[in-house]
Full PDB file with SEQRES, HELIX, SHEET, SSBOND, CRYST1, ORIGX, SCALE, CONECT and MASTER records, all heavy atoms in Angstrom:
SEQRES   1 A   32  GLY ALA PHE GLU LYS SER PRO THR ALA TYR HIS CYS PRO          
SEQRES   2 A   32  TRP LYS GLY ASP ALA GLN TYR PHE ASP VAL GLY THR GLY          
SEQRES   3 A   32  ASP ASP VAL ALA LYS ASP                                      
SHEET    1 AA1 3 PHE A   3  CYS A  12  0                                        
SHEET    2 AA1 3 GLY A  16  THR A  25 -1                                        
SHEET    3 AA1 3 ASP A  28  ALA A  30 -1                                        
CRYST1    1.000    1.000    1.000  90.00  90.00  90.00 P 1           1          
ORIGX1      1.000000  0.000000  0.000000        0.00000                         
ORIGX2      0.000000  1.000000  0.000000        0.00000                         
ORIGX3      0.000000  0.000000  1.000000        0.00000                         
SCALE1      1.000000  0.000000  0.000000        0.00000                         
SCALE2      0.000000  1.000000  0.000000        0.00000                         
SCALE3      0.000000  0.000000  1.000000        0.00000                         
ATOM      1  N   GLY A   1       0.786  -1.221   0.000  1.00  0.00           N  
ATOM      2  CA  GLY A   1       0.000   0.000   0.000  1.00  0.00           C  
ATOM      3  C   GLY A   1       0.820   1.274   0.000  1.00  0.00           C  
ATOM      4  O   GLY A   1       0.264   2.368  -0.054  1.00  0.00           O  
ATOM      5  N   ALA A   2       2.153   1.166   0.069  1.00  0.00           N  
ATOM      6  CA  ALA A   2       3.004   2.352   0.129  1.00  0.00           C  
ATOM      7  C   ALA A   2       3.610   2.711  -1.223  1.00  0.00           C  
ATOM      8  O   ALA A   2       4.392   3.655  -1.319  1.00  0.00           O  
ATOM      9  CB  ALA A   2       4.116   2.151   1.158  1.00  0.00           C  
ATOM     10  N   PHE A   3       3.254   1.962  -2.287  1.00  0.00           N  
ATOM     11  CA  PHE A   3       3.844   2.182  -3.609  1.00  0.00           C  
ATOM     12  C   PHE A   3       2.757   2.328  -4.654  1.00  0.00           C  
ATOM     13  O   PHE A   3       1.917   1.452  -4.809  1.00  0.00           O  
ATOM     14  CB  PHE A   3       4.759   1.005  -3.987  1.00  0.00           C  
ATOM     15  CG  PHE A   3       5.965   0.895  -3.104  1.00  0.00           C  
ATOM     16  CD1 PHE A   3       5.870   0.309  -1.852  1.00  0.00           C  
ATOM     17  CD2 PHE A   3       7.181   1.416  -3.510  1.00  0.00           C  
ATOM     18  CE1 PHE A   3       6.975   0.236  -1.012  1.00  0.00           C  
ATOM     19  CE2 PHE A   3       8.281   1.348  -2.675  1.00  0.00           C  
ATOM     20  CZ  PHE A   3       8.174   0.756  -1.427  1.00  0.00           C  
ATOM     21  N   GLU A   4       2.781   3.463  -5.371  1.00  0.00           N  
ATOM     22  CA  GLU A   4       1.843   3.694  -6.469  1.00  0.00           C  
ATOM     23  C   GLU A   4       2.657   3.960  -7.728  1.00  0.00           C  
ATOM     24  O   GLU A   4       3.534   4.834  -7.731  1.00  0.00           O  
ATOM     25  CB  GLU A   4       0.940   4.883  -6.158  1.00  0.00           C  
ATOM     26  CG  GLU A   4      -0.125   5.092  -7.214  1.00  0.00           C  
ATOM     27  CD  GLU A   4      -1.094   6.195  -6.830  1.00  0.00           C  
ATOM     28  OE1 GLU A   4      -1.373   6.369  -5.632  1.00  0.00           O  
ATOM     29  OE2 GLU A   4      -1.544   6.893  -7.763  1.00  0.00           O  
ATOM     30  N   LYS A   5       2.366   3.214  -8.785  1.00  0.00           N  
ATOM     31  CA  LYS A   5       3.117   3.391 -10.028  1.00  0.00           C  
ATOM     32  C   LYS A   5       2.999   4.828 -10.522  1.00  0.00           C  
ATOM     33  O   LYS A   5       1.939   5.436 -10.476  1.00  0.00           O  
ATOM     34  CB  LYS A   5       2.610   2.438 -11.112  1.00  0.00           C  
ATOM     35  CG  LYS A   5       2.994   1.008 -10.869  1.00  0.00           C  
ATOM     36  CD  LYS A   5       2.538   0.112 -12.009  1.00  0.00           C  
ATOM     37  CE  LYS A   5       2.954  -1.323 -11.753  1.00  0.00           C  
ATOM     38  NZ  LYS A   5       2.509  -2.207 -12.853  1.00  0.00           N  
ATOM     39  N   SER A   6       4.120   5.348 -11.006  1.00  0.00           N  
ATOM     40  CA  SER A   6       4.198   6.694 -11.559  1.00  0.00           C  
ATOM     41  C   SER A   6       4.336   6.584 -13.078  1.00  0.00           C  
ATOM     42  O   SER A   6       4.889   5.604 -13.579  1.00  0.00           O  
ATOM     43  CB  SER A   6       5.438   7.390 -10.975  1.00  0.00           C  
ATOM     44  OG  SER A   6       5.796   8.507 -11.746  1.00  0.00           O  
ATOM     45  N   PRO A   7       3.870   7.583 -13.818  1.00  0.00           N  
ATOM     46  CA  PRO A   7       4.030   7.553 -15.277  1.00  0.00           C  
ATOM     47  C   PRO A   7       5.438   7.946 -15.749  1.00  0.00           C  
ATOM     48  O   PRO A   7       5.730   7.875 -16.935  1.00  0.00           O  
ATOM     49  CB  PRO A   7       2.997   8.564 -15.771  1.00  0.00           C  
ATOM     50  CG  PRO A   7       2.853   9.532 -14.652  1.00  0.00           C  
ATOM     51  CD  PRO A   7       3.039   8.713 -13.386  1.00  0.00           C  
ATOM     52  N   THR A   8       6.315   8.334 -14.829  1.00  0.00           N  
ATOM     53  CA  THR A   8       7.669   8.745 -15.203  1.00  0.00           C  
ATOM     54  C   THR A   8       8.395   7.601 -15.902  1.00  0.00           C  
ATOM     55  O   THR A   8       8.413   6.484 -15.400  1.00  0.00           O  
ATOM     56  CB  THR A   8       8.459   9.201 -13.958  1.00  0.00           C  
ATOM     57  OG1 THR A   8       7.764  10.306 -13.375  1.00  0.00           O  
ATOM     58  CG2 THR A   8       9.877   9.608 -14.323  1.00  0.00           C  
ATOM     59  N   ALA A   9       8.971   7.905 -17.052  1.00  0.00           N  
ATOM     60  CA  ALA A   9       9.674   6.886 -17.839  1.00  0.00           C  
ATOM     61  C   ALA A   9      11.182   7.120 -17.782  1.00  0.00           C  
ATOM     62  O   ALA A   9      11.649   8.256 -17.740  1.00  0.00           O  
ATOM     63  CB  ALA A   9       9.203   6.939 -19.286  1.00  0.00           C  
ATOM     64  N   TYR A  10      11.923   6.014 -17.761  1.00  0.00           N  
ATOM     65  CA  TYR A  10      13.378   6.087 -17.818  1.00  0.00           C  
ATOM     66  C   TYR A  10      13.888   4.776 -18.411  1.00  0.00           C  
ATOM     67  O   TYR A  10      13.364   3.695 -18.084  1.00  0.00           O  
ATOM     68  CB  TYR A  10      13.997   6.295 -16.433  1.00  0.00           C  
ATOM     69  CG  TYR A  10      15.503   6.269 -16.456  1.00  0.00           C  
ATOM     70  CD1 TYR A  10      16.227   7.341 -16.958  1.00  0.00           C  
ATOM     71  CD2 TYR A  10      16.199   5.153 -16.027  1.00  0.00           C  
ATOM     72  CE1 TYR A  10      17.618   7.306 -17.011  1.00  0.00           C  
ATOM     73  CE2 TYR A  10      17.587   5.105 -16.073  1.00  0.00           C  
ATOM     74  CZ  TYR A  10      18.287   6.183 -16.567  1.00  0.00           C  
ATOM     75  OH  TYR A  10      19.647   6.146 -16.628  1.00  0.00           O  
ATOM     76  N   HIS A  11      14.914   4.874 -19.249  1.00  0.00           N  
ATOM     77  CA  HIS A  11      15.545   3.684 -19.816  1.00  0.00           C  
ATOM     78  C   HIS A  11      17.037   3.746 -19.542  1.00  0.00           C  
ATOM     79  O   HIS A  11      17.704   4.716 -19.895  1.00  0.00           O  
ATOM     80  CB  HIS A  11      15.301   3.591 -21.328  1.00  0.00           C  
ATOM     81  CG  HIS A  11      15.996   2.417 -21.945  1.00  0.00           C  
ATOM     82  ND1 HIS A  11      15.475   1.145 -21.907  1.00  0.00           N  
ATOM     83  CD2 HIS A  11      17.192   2.323 -22.576  1.00  0.00           C  
ATOM     84  CE1 HIS A  11      16.328   0.318 -22.503  1.00  0.00           C  
ATOM     85  NE2 HIS A  11      17.368   1.007 -22.914  1.00  0.00           N  
ATOM     86  N   CYS A  12      17.555   2.713 -18.902  1.00  0.00           N  
ATOM     87  CA  CYS A  12      18.994   2.583 -18.677  1.00  0.00           C  
ATOM     88  C   CYS A  12      19.539   1.690 -19.783  1.00  0.00           C  
ATOM     89  O   CYS A  12      18.976   0.624 -20.051  1.00  0.00           O  
ATOM     90  CB  CYS A  12      19.252   1.939 -17.315  1.00  0.00           C  
ATOM     91  SG  CYS A  12      20.990   1.527 -17.045  1.00  0.00           S  
ATOM     92  N   PRO A  13      20.631   2.091 -20.434  1.00  0.00           N  
ATOM     93  CA  PRO A  13      21.142   1.299 -21.550  1.00  0.00           C  
ATOM     94  C   PRO A  13      21.568  -0.116 -21.176  1.00  0.00           C  
ATOM     95  O   PRO A  13      21.542  -1.005 -22.012  1.00  0.00           O  
ATOM     96  CB  PRO A  13      22.328   2.102 -22.075  1.00  0.00           C  
ATOM     97  CG  PRO A  13      22.456   3.310 -21.249  1.00  0.00           C  
ATOM     98  CD  PRO A  13      21.381   3.322 -20.222  1.00  0.00           C  
ATOM     99  N   TRP A  14      21.944  -0.344 -19.911  1.00  0.00           N  
ATOM    100  CA  TRP A  14      22.376  -1.701 -19.570  1.00  0.00           C  
ATOM    101  C   TRP A  14      21.424  -2.445 -18.629  1.00  0.00           C  
ATOM    102  O   TRP A  14      21.473  -3.661 -18.529  1.00  0.00           O  
ATOM    103  CB  TRP A  14      23.804  -1.720 -19.035  1.00  0.00           C  
ATOM    104  CG  TRP A  14      24.030  -1.064 -17.705  1.00  0.00           C  
ATOM    105  CD1 TRP A  14      24.279   0.256 -17.464  1.00  0.00           C  
ATOM    106  CD2 TRP A  14      24.054  -1.710 -16.431  1.00  0.00           C  
ATOM    107  NE1 TRP A  14      24.447   0.472 -16.123  1.00  0.00           N  
ATOM    108  CE2 TRP A  14      24.321  -0.716 -15.468  1.00  0.00           C  
ATOM    109  CE3 TRP A  14      23.881  -3.021 -16.005  1.00  0.00           C  
ATOM    110  CZ2 TRP A  14      24.410  -0.998 -14.109  1.00  0.00           C  
ATOM    111  CZ3 TRP A  14      23.982  -3.299 -14.648  1.00  0.00           C  
ATOM    112  CH2 TRP A  14      24.242  -2.298 -13.721  1.00  0.00           C  
ATOM    113  N   LYS A  15      20.502  -1.707 -17.961  1.00  0.00           N  
ATOM    114  CA  LYS A  15      19.530  -2.370 -17.071  1.00  0.00           C  
ATOM    115  C   LYS A  15      18.156  -2.509 -17.726  1.00  0.00           C  
ATOM    116  O   LYS A  15      17.419  -3.426 -17.401  1.00  0.00           O  
ATOM    117  CB  LYS A  15      19.394  -1.610 -15.750  1.00  0.00           C  
ATOM    118  CG  LYS A  15      20.642  -1.690 -14.890  1.00  0.00           C  
ATOM    119  CD  LYS A  15      20.469  -1.035 -13.533  1.00  0.00           C  
ATOM    120  CE  LYS A  15      20.256   0.422 -13.588  1.00  0.00           C  
ATOM    121  NZ  LYS A  15      21.306   1.325 -13.238  1.00  0.00           N  
ATOM    122  N   GLY A  16      17.781  -1.576 -18.586  1.00  0.00           N  
ATOM    123  CA  GLY A  16      16.489  -1.653 -19.265  1.00  0.00           C  
ATOM    124  C   GLY A  16      15.537  -0.557 -18.816  1.00  0.00           C  
ATOM    125  O   GLY A  16      15.962   0.505 -18.360  1.00  0.00           O  
ATOM    126  N   ASP A  17      14.230  -0.831 -18.946  1.00  0.00           N  
ATOM    127  CA  ASP A  17      13.203   0.149 -18.620  1.00  0.00           C  
ATOM    128  C   ASP A  17      12.872   0.120 -17.128  1.00  0.00           C  
ATOM    129  O   ASP A  17      12.599  -0.944 -16.563  1.00  0.00           O  
ATOM    130  CB  ASP A  17      11.927  -0.120 -19.417  1.00  0.00           C  
ATOM    131  CG  ASP A  17      12.119   0.115 -20.904  1.00  0.00           C  
ATOM    132  OD1 ASP A  17      12.885   1.031 -21.266  1.00  0.00           O  
ATOM    133  OD2 ASP A  17      11.504  -0.622 -21.702  1.00  0.00           O  
ATOM    134  N   ALA A  18      12.871   1.304 -16.518  1.00  0.00           N  
ATOM    135  CA  ALA A  18      12.557   1.436 -15.095  1.00  0.00           C  
ATOM    136  C   ALA A  18      11.080   1.720 -14.903  1.00  0.00           C  
ATOM    137  O   ALA A  18      10.430   2.319 -15.759  1.00  0.00           O  
ATOM    138  CB  ALA A  18      13.384   2.558 -14.475  1.00  0.00           C  
ATOM    139  N   GLN A  19      10.567   1.307 -13.759  1.00  0.00           N  
ATOM    140  CA  GLN A  19       9.230   1.675 -13.294  1.00  0.00           C  
ATOM    141  C   GLN A  19       9.424   2.566 -12.078  1.00  0.00           C  
ATOM    142  O   GLN A  19      10.048   2.146 -11.097  1.00  0.00           O  
ATOM    143  CB  GLN A  19       8.428   0.433 -12.901  1.00  0.00           C  
ATOM    144  CG  GLN A  19       7.115   0.731 -12.199  1.00  0.00           C  
ATOM    145  CD  GLN A  19       6.128   1.489 -13.090  1.00  0.00           C  
ATOM    146  OE1 GLN A  19       5.727   0.983 -14.125  1.00  0.00           O  
ATOM    147  NE2 GLN A  19       5.787   2.706 -12.711  1.00  0.00           N  
ATOM    148  N   TYR A  20       8.930   3.796 -12.148  1.00  0.00           N  
ATOM    149  CA  TYR A  20       9.015   4.696 -11.001  1.00  0.00           C  
ATOM    150  C   TYR A  20       7.766   4.566 -10.146  1.00  0.00           C  
ATOM    151  O   TYR A  20       6.698   4.193 -10.636  1.00  0.00           O  
ATOM    152  CB  TYR A  20       9.189   6.149 -11.459  1.00  0.00           C  
ATOM    153  CG  TYR A  20      10.637   6.500 -11.641  1.00  0.00           C  
ATOM    154  CD1 TYR A  20      11.303   6.188 -12.818  1.00  0.00           C  
ATOM    155  CD2 TYR A  20      11.354   7.121 -10.622  1.00  0.00           C  
ATOM    156  CE1 TYR A  20      12.643   6.484 -12.979  1.00  0.00           C  
ATOM    157  CE2 TYR A  20      12.700   7.420 -10.779  1.00  0.00           C  
ATOM    158  CZ  TYR A  20      13.327   7.101 -11.954  1.00  0.00           C  
ATOM    159  OH  TYR A  20      14.659   7.386 -12.104  1.00  0.00           O  
ATOM    160  N   PHE A  21       7.914   4.915  -8.849  1.00  0.00           N  
ATOM    161  CA  PHE A  21       6.807   4.848  -7.894  1.00  0.00           C  
ATOM    162  C   PHE A  21       6.748   6.119  -7.062  1.00  0.00           C  
ATOM    163  O   PHE A  21       7.790   6.670  -6.682  1.00  0.00           O  
ATOM    164  CB  PHE A  21       7.015   3.684  -6.901  1.00  0.00           C  
ATOM    165  CG  PHE A  21       7.023   2.329  -7.534  1.00  0.00           C  
ATOM    166  CD1 PHE A  21       8.225   1.724  -7.865  1.00  0.00           C  
ATOM    167  CD2 PHE A  21       5.846   1.649  -7.795  1.00  0.00           C  
ATOM    168  CE1 PHE A  21       8.255   0.472  -8.448  1.00  0.00           C  
ATOM    169  CE2 PHE A  21       5.865   0.396  -8.381  1.00  0.00           C  
ATOM    170  CZ  PHE A  21       7.069  -0.199  -8.707  1.00  0.00           C  
ATOM    171  N   ASP A  22       5.516   6.558  -6.771  1.00  0.00           N  
ATOM    172  CA  ASP A  22       5.301   7.526  -5.711  1.00  0.00           C  
ATOM    173  C   ASP A  22       5.236   6.664  -4.450  1.00  0.00           C  
ATOM    174  O   ASP A  22       4.504   5.665  -4.408  1.00  0.00           O  
ATOM    175  CB  ASP A  22       4.004   8.302  -5.920  1.00  0.00           C  
ATOM    176  CG  ASP A  22       4.057   9.177  -7.175  1.00  0.00           C  
ATOM    177  OD1 ASP A  22       5.171   9.540  -7.614  1.00  0.00           O  
ATOM    178  OD2 ASP A  22       2.989   9.495  -7.713  1.00  0.00           O  
ATOM    179  N   VAL A  23       6.029   7.022  -3.445  1.00  0.00           N  
ATOM    180  CA  VAL A  23       6.219   6.149  -2.295  1.00  0.00           C  
ATOM    181  C   VAL A  23       5.788   6.833  -1.005  1.00  0.00           C  
ATOM    182  O   VAL A  23       6.135   7.986  -0.769  1.00  0.00           O  
ATOM    183  CB  VAL A  23       7.707   5.741  -2.173  1.00  0.00           C  
ATOM    184  CG1 VAL A  23       7.913   4.782  -1.022  1.00  0.00           C  
ATOM    185  CG2 VAL A  23       8.219   5.126  -3.469  1.00  0.00           C  
ATOM    186  N   GLY A  24       5.046   6.096  -0.175  1.00  0.00           N  
ATOM    187  CA  GLY A  24       4.655   6.591   1.136  1.00  0.00           C  
ATOM    188  C   GLY A  24       3.164   6.456   1.350  1.00  0.00           C  
ATOM    189  O   GLY A  24       2.444   5.866   0.538  1.00  0.00           O  
ATOM    190  N   THR A  25       2.705   7.048   2.445  1.00  0.00           N  
ATOM    191  CA  THR A  25       1.280   7.029   2.775  1.00  0.00           C  
ATOM    192  C   THR A  25       0.890   8.367   3.399  1.00  0.00           C  
ATOM    193  O   THR A  25       1.734   9.059   3.967  1.00  0.00           O  
ATOM    194  CB  THR A  25       0.940   5.894   3.772  1.00  0.00           C  
ATOM    195  OG1 THR A  25       1.697   6.092   4.967  1.00  0.00           O  
ATOM    196  CG2 THR A  25       1.216   4.523   3.193  1.00  0.00           C  
ATOM    197  N   GLY A  26      -0.375   8.720   3.294  1.00  0.00           N  
ATOM    198  CA  GLY A  26      -0.873   9.958   3.903  1.00  0.00           C  
ATOM    199  C   GLY A  26      -0.121  11.171   3.411  1.00  0.00           C  
ATOM    200  O   GLY A  26       0.047  11.378   2.214  1.00  0.00           O  
ATOM    201  N   ASP A  27       0.353  11.965   4.369  1.00  0.00           N  
ATOM    202  CA  ASP A  27       1.103  13.190   4.038  1.00  0.00           C  
ATOM    203  C   ASP A  27       2.565  12.906   3.712  1.00  0.00           C  
ATOM    204  O   ASP A  27       3.279  13.788   3.248  1.00  0.00           O  
ATOM    205  CB  ASP A  27       1.036  14.188   5.200  1.00  0.00           C  
ATOM    206  CG  ASP A  27      -0.368  14.747   5.400  1.00  0.00           C  
ATOM    207  OD1 ASP A  27      -1.139  14.778   4.413  1.00  0.00           O  
ATOM    208  OD2 ASP A  27      -0.678  15.149   6.535  1.00  0.00           O  
ATOM    209  N   ASP A  28       3.019  11.694   4.001  1.00  0.00           N  
ATOM    210  CA  ASP A  28       4.413  11.326   3.766  1.00  0.00           C  
ATOM    211  C   ASP A  28       4.547  10.574   2.445  1.00  0.00           C  
ATOM    212  O   ASP A  28       4.637   9.349   2.420  1.00  0.00           O  
ATOM    213  CB  ASP A  28       4.947  10.450   4.911  1.00  0.00           C  
ATOM    214  CG  ASP A  28       5.028  11.171   6.232  1.00  0.00           C  
ATOM    215  OD1 ASP A  28       5.208  12.403   6.214  1.00  0.00           O  
ATOM    216  OD2 ASP A  28       4.907  10.515   7.275  1.00  0.00           O  
ATOM    217  N   VAL A  29       4.526  11.311   1.329  1.00  0.00           N  
ATOM    218  CA  VAL A  29       4.652  10.691   0.005  1.00  0.00           C  
ATOM    219  C   VAL A  29       5.768  11.373  -0.769  1.00  0.00           C  
ATOM    220  O   VAL A  29       5.817  12.596  -0.854  1.00  0.00           O  
ATOM    221  CB  VAL A  29       3.332  10.764  -0.794  1.00  0.00           C  
ATOM    222  CG1 VAL A  29       3.511  10.220  -2.198  1.00  0.00           C  
ATOM    223  CG2 VAL A  29       2.227   9.995  -0.076  1.00  0.00           C  
ATOM    224  N   ALA A  30       6.658  10.564  -1.321  1.00  0.00           N  
ATOM    225  CA  ALA A  30       7.756  11.062  -2.153  1.00  0.00           C  
ATOM    226  C   ALA A  30       7.420  10.773  -3.612  1.00  0.00           C  
ATOM    227  O   ALA A  30       7.357   9.616  -4.021  1.00  0.00           O  
ATOM    228  CB  ALA A  30       9.061  10.382  -1.758  1.00  0.00           C  
ATOM    229  N   LYS A  31       7.182  11.830  -4.393  1.00  0.00           N  
ATOM    230  CA  LYS A  31       6.875  11.656  -5.810  1.00  0.00           C  
ATOM    231  C   LYS A  31       8.102  11.097  -6.519  1.00  0.00           C  
ATOM    232  O   LYS A  31       9.202  11.618  -6.367  1.00  0.00           O  
ATOM    233  CB  LYS A  31       6.452  12.978  -6.428  1.00  0.00           C  
ATOM    234  CG  LYS A  31       6.130  12.856  -7.901  1.00  0.00           C  
ATOM    235  CD  LYS A  31       5.229  13.954  -8.378  1.00  0.00           C  
ATOM    236  CE  LYS A  31       4.935  13.859  -9.853  1.00  0.00           C  
ATOM    237  NZ  LYS A  31       4.454  12.586 -10.312  1.00  0.00           N  
ATOM    238  N   ASP A  32       7.896  10.018  -7.261  1.00  0.00           N  
ATOM    239  CA  ASP A  32       9.002   9.330  -7.943  1.00  0.00           C  
ATOM    240  C   ASP A  32      10.120   8.985  -6.954  1.00  0.00           C  
ATOM    241  O   ASP A  32      11.305   8.991  -7.296  1.00  0.00           O  
ATOM    242  CB  ASP A  32       9.562  10.171  -9.102  1.00  0.00           C  
ATOM    243  CG  ASP A  32       8.578  10.306 -10.248  1.00  0.00           C  
ATOM    244  OD1 ASP A  32       7.680   9.440 -10.385  1.00  0.00           O  
ATOM    245  OD2 ASP A  32       8.699  11.269 -11.017  1.00  0.00           O  
TER     246      ASP A  32                                                      
MASTER        0    0    0    0    3    0    0    6  245    1    0    3          
END                                                                             
């Protein structure tokens, strides 16, 4: 419940495509 998928896109040339998350709950949320 502390992770919500974000639409932010990133591609690392050697790791691949990343999935970003807005992390936290209530007032304590870190965007991406």
